[in-house]
Amino acid sequence: MGDAVGLRPLVWVGSAKRDLMKFPDEVIYAMGLVLMRVQYGDTPPTVKPLRGFGGAGVLEVVEDEDGNTYRTIYTVRLKGRVYVLHAFQKKSRHGIATAKSDINLIKARLTSAVELHKEWEERSAKEIA
């Protein structure tokens, strides 16, 4: 797998974990495997950058099950941790675009993740000192 040493912790932002756990079991399993690979520093081939977030820092995992599409959005922008920002079932039957409401929620949770990460870094620095 990737070059990272050790396992980067998953940090769930907002209701992302609760929302993921509402998915069908097969989807939860598949998403879990992808997230585990990401924790070890790998970028599975099924992962794609989410458009509108400036490159490969915010990524999406897409799984289809029984004619439904499920997405989990995460970021690896913040060193040492994987922040899971959103998990949802795609509602639109037209096109592949992510709904504006989901994009806005992802942006808000990314801001929260940055704040959480800063707090974590400050706590870690105090523990080391």
Protein backbone atom coordinates (compact mmCIF):
# COMPACT_ATOMS: atom_id res chain seq x y z
CA MET A 1 0.00 0.00 0.00
CA GLY A 2 1.11 3.62 0.43
CA ASP A 3 4.32 4.99 1.85
CA ALA A 4 2.82 6.24 5.12
CA VAL A 5 4.09 4.72 8.33
CA GLY A 6 1.33 3.51 10.61
CA LEU A 7 -2.35 4.06 10.65
CA ARG A 8 -3.75 7.58 10.38
CA PRO A 9 -6.82 7.98 12.58
CA LEU A 10 -10.24 8.57 11.05
CA VAL A 11 -11.99 11.64 12.41
CA TRP A 12 -15.71 11.80 11.72
CA VAL A 13 -17.11 15.30 11.27
CA GLY A 14 -20.74 16.08 12.05
CA SER A 15 -23.14 13.21 11.39
CA ALA A 16 -20.93 11.52 8.76
CA LYS A 17 -20.52 8.26 10.70
CA ARG A 18 -24.20 8.01 11.64
CA ASP A 19 -25.15 8.69 8.03
CA LEU A 20 -22.73 6.07 6.69
CA MET A 21 -24.10 3.48 9.11
CA LYS A 22 -27.57 3.91 7.50
CA PHE A 23 -26.24 2.58 4.18
CA PRO A 24 -26.81 -1.06 3.14
CA ASP A 25 -24.35 -3.48 4.76
CA GLU A 26 -22.54 -4.16 1.47
CA VAL A 27 -21.95 -0.44 0.95
CA ILE A 28 -20.75 0.06 4.53
CA TYR A 29 -18.29 -2.80 4.06
CA ALA A 30 -16.98 -1.47 0.74
CA MET A 31 -16.64 2.10 2.06
CA GLY A 32 -14.92 0.79 5.19
CA LEU A 33 -12.32 -1.06 3.14
CA VAL A 34 -11.57 2.04 1.10
CA LEU A 35 -11.26 4.22 4.21
CA MET A 36 -8.95 1.67 5.83
CA ARG A 37 -6.66 1.75 2.78
CA VAL A 38 -6.67 5.56 2.95
CA GLN A 39 -5.67 5.39 6.62
CA TYR A 40 -2.58 3.44 5.56
CA GLY A 41 -1.68 6.09 2.98
CA ASP A 42 -3.05 4.39 -0.12
CA THR A 43 -5.26 6.06 -2.73
CA PRO A 44 -7.54 3.31 -4.04
CA PRO A 45 -8.37 3.54 -7.76
CA THR A 46 -12.07 3.98 -6.99
CA VAL A 47 -11.42 7.28 -5.19
CA LYS A 48 -11.79 10.51 -7.15
CA PRO A 49 -11.20 14.18 -6.32
CA LEU A 50 -14.44 16.02 -5.60
CA ARG A 51 -14.86 18.84 -8.09
CA GLY A 52 -14.82 22.38 -6.79
CA PHE A 53 -12.36 21.79 -3.94
CA GLY A 54 -9.07 22.63 -5.61
CA GLY A 55 -7.44 19.35 -6.52
CA ALA A 56 -7.06 16.06 -4.75
CA GLY A 57 -7.42 17.25 -1.15
CA VAL A 58 -11.13 16.43 -0.88
CA LEU A 59 -12.01 13.02 -2.26
CA GLU A 60 -15.09 10.92 -2.82
CA VAL A 61 -15.82 7.23 -2.72
CA VAL A 62 -18.80 6.15 -4.81
CA GLU A 63 -20.59 2.82 -4.40
CA ASP A 64 -23.67 1.59 -6.24
CA GLU A 65 -26.10 -0.91 -4.72
CA ASP A 66 -29.53 -1.99 -5.97
CA GLY A 67 -29.78 0.96 -8.36
CA ASN A 68 -28.83 3.52 -5.70
CA THR A 69 -25.62 5.53 -5.47
CA TYR A 70 -23.88 6.23 -2.16
CA ARG A 71 -21.04 8.66 -1.59
CA THR A 72 -18.58 9.24 1.22
CA ILE A 73 -16.46 12.40 1.17
CA TYR A 74 -13.19 12.74 3.08
CA THR A 75 -10.07 14.87 3.17
CA VAL A 76 -6.40 14.06 3.56
CA ARG A 77 -5.35 17.72 3.40
CA LEU A 78 -4.64 17.79 7.11
CA LYS A 79 -1.43 16.00 8.05
CA GLY A 80 -1.62 12.81 10.05
CA ARG A 81 -5.38 12.31 10.04
CA VAL A 82 -8.22 11.42 7.67
CA TYR A 83 -11.34 13.54 8.16
CA VAL A 84 -14.61 12.01 6.94
CA LEU A 85 -16.77 14.97 6.02
CA HIS A 86 -20.02 13.59 4.65
CA ALA A 87 -21.82 10.37 3.69
CA PHE A 88 -25.01 10.48 1.67
CA GLN A 89 -27.19 8.76 -0.86
CA LYS A 90 -27.26 10.57 -4.17
CA LYS A 91 -30.84 11.64 -4.83
CA SER A 92 -30.65 13.13 -8.31
CA ARG A 93 -31.47 10.79 -11.16
CA HIS A 94 -30.05 13.25 -13.69
CA GLY A 95 -26.35 13.74 -14.22
CA ILE A 96 -23.46 13.15 -11.86
CA ALA A 97 -23.33 16.55 -10.18
CA THR A 98 -23.42 16.69 -6.40
CA ALA A 99 -26.35 18.70 -5.04
CA LYS A 100 -25.59 22.27 -3.97
CA SER A 101 -26.86 21.52 -0.44
CA ASP A 102 -24.37 18.64 -0.13
CA ILE A 103 -21.53 20.82 -1.47
CA ASN A 104 -22.37 23.52 1.08
CA LEU A 105 -22.43 20.96 3.90
CA ILE A 106 -19.07 19.55 2.77
CA LYS A 107 -17.57 23.06 2.73
CA ALA A 108 -18.86 23.76 6.24
CA ARG A 109 -17.54 20.45 7.54
CA LEU A 110 -14.18 21.03 5.89
CA THR A 111 -13.96 24.31 7.81
CA SER A 112 -14.85 22.41 10.99
CA ALA A 113 -12.19 19.80 10.21
CA VAL A 114 -9.55 22.51 9.85
CA GLU A 115 -10.55 23.90 13.26
CA LEU A 116 -10.55 20.44 14.86
CA HIS A 117 -7.15 19.73 13.36
CA LYS A 118 -5.69 22.97 14.68
CA GLU A 119 -7.00 22.15 18.18
CA TRP A 120 -5.53 18.64 17.94
CA GLU A 121 -2.13 20.00 16.86
CA GLU A 122 -2.13 22.49 19.75
CA ARG A 123 -3.00 19.75 22.28
CA SER A 124 -0.33 17.48 20.82
CA ALA A 125 2.29 20.22 21.02
CA LYS A 126 1.44 20.85 24.70
CA GLU A 127 1.70 17.13 25.49
CA ILE A 128 5.14 16.95 23.90
CA ALA A 129 6.44 20.07 25.67
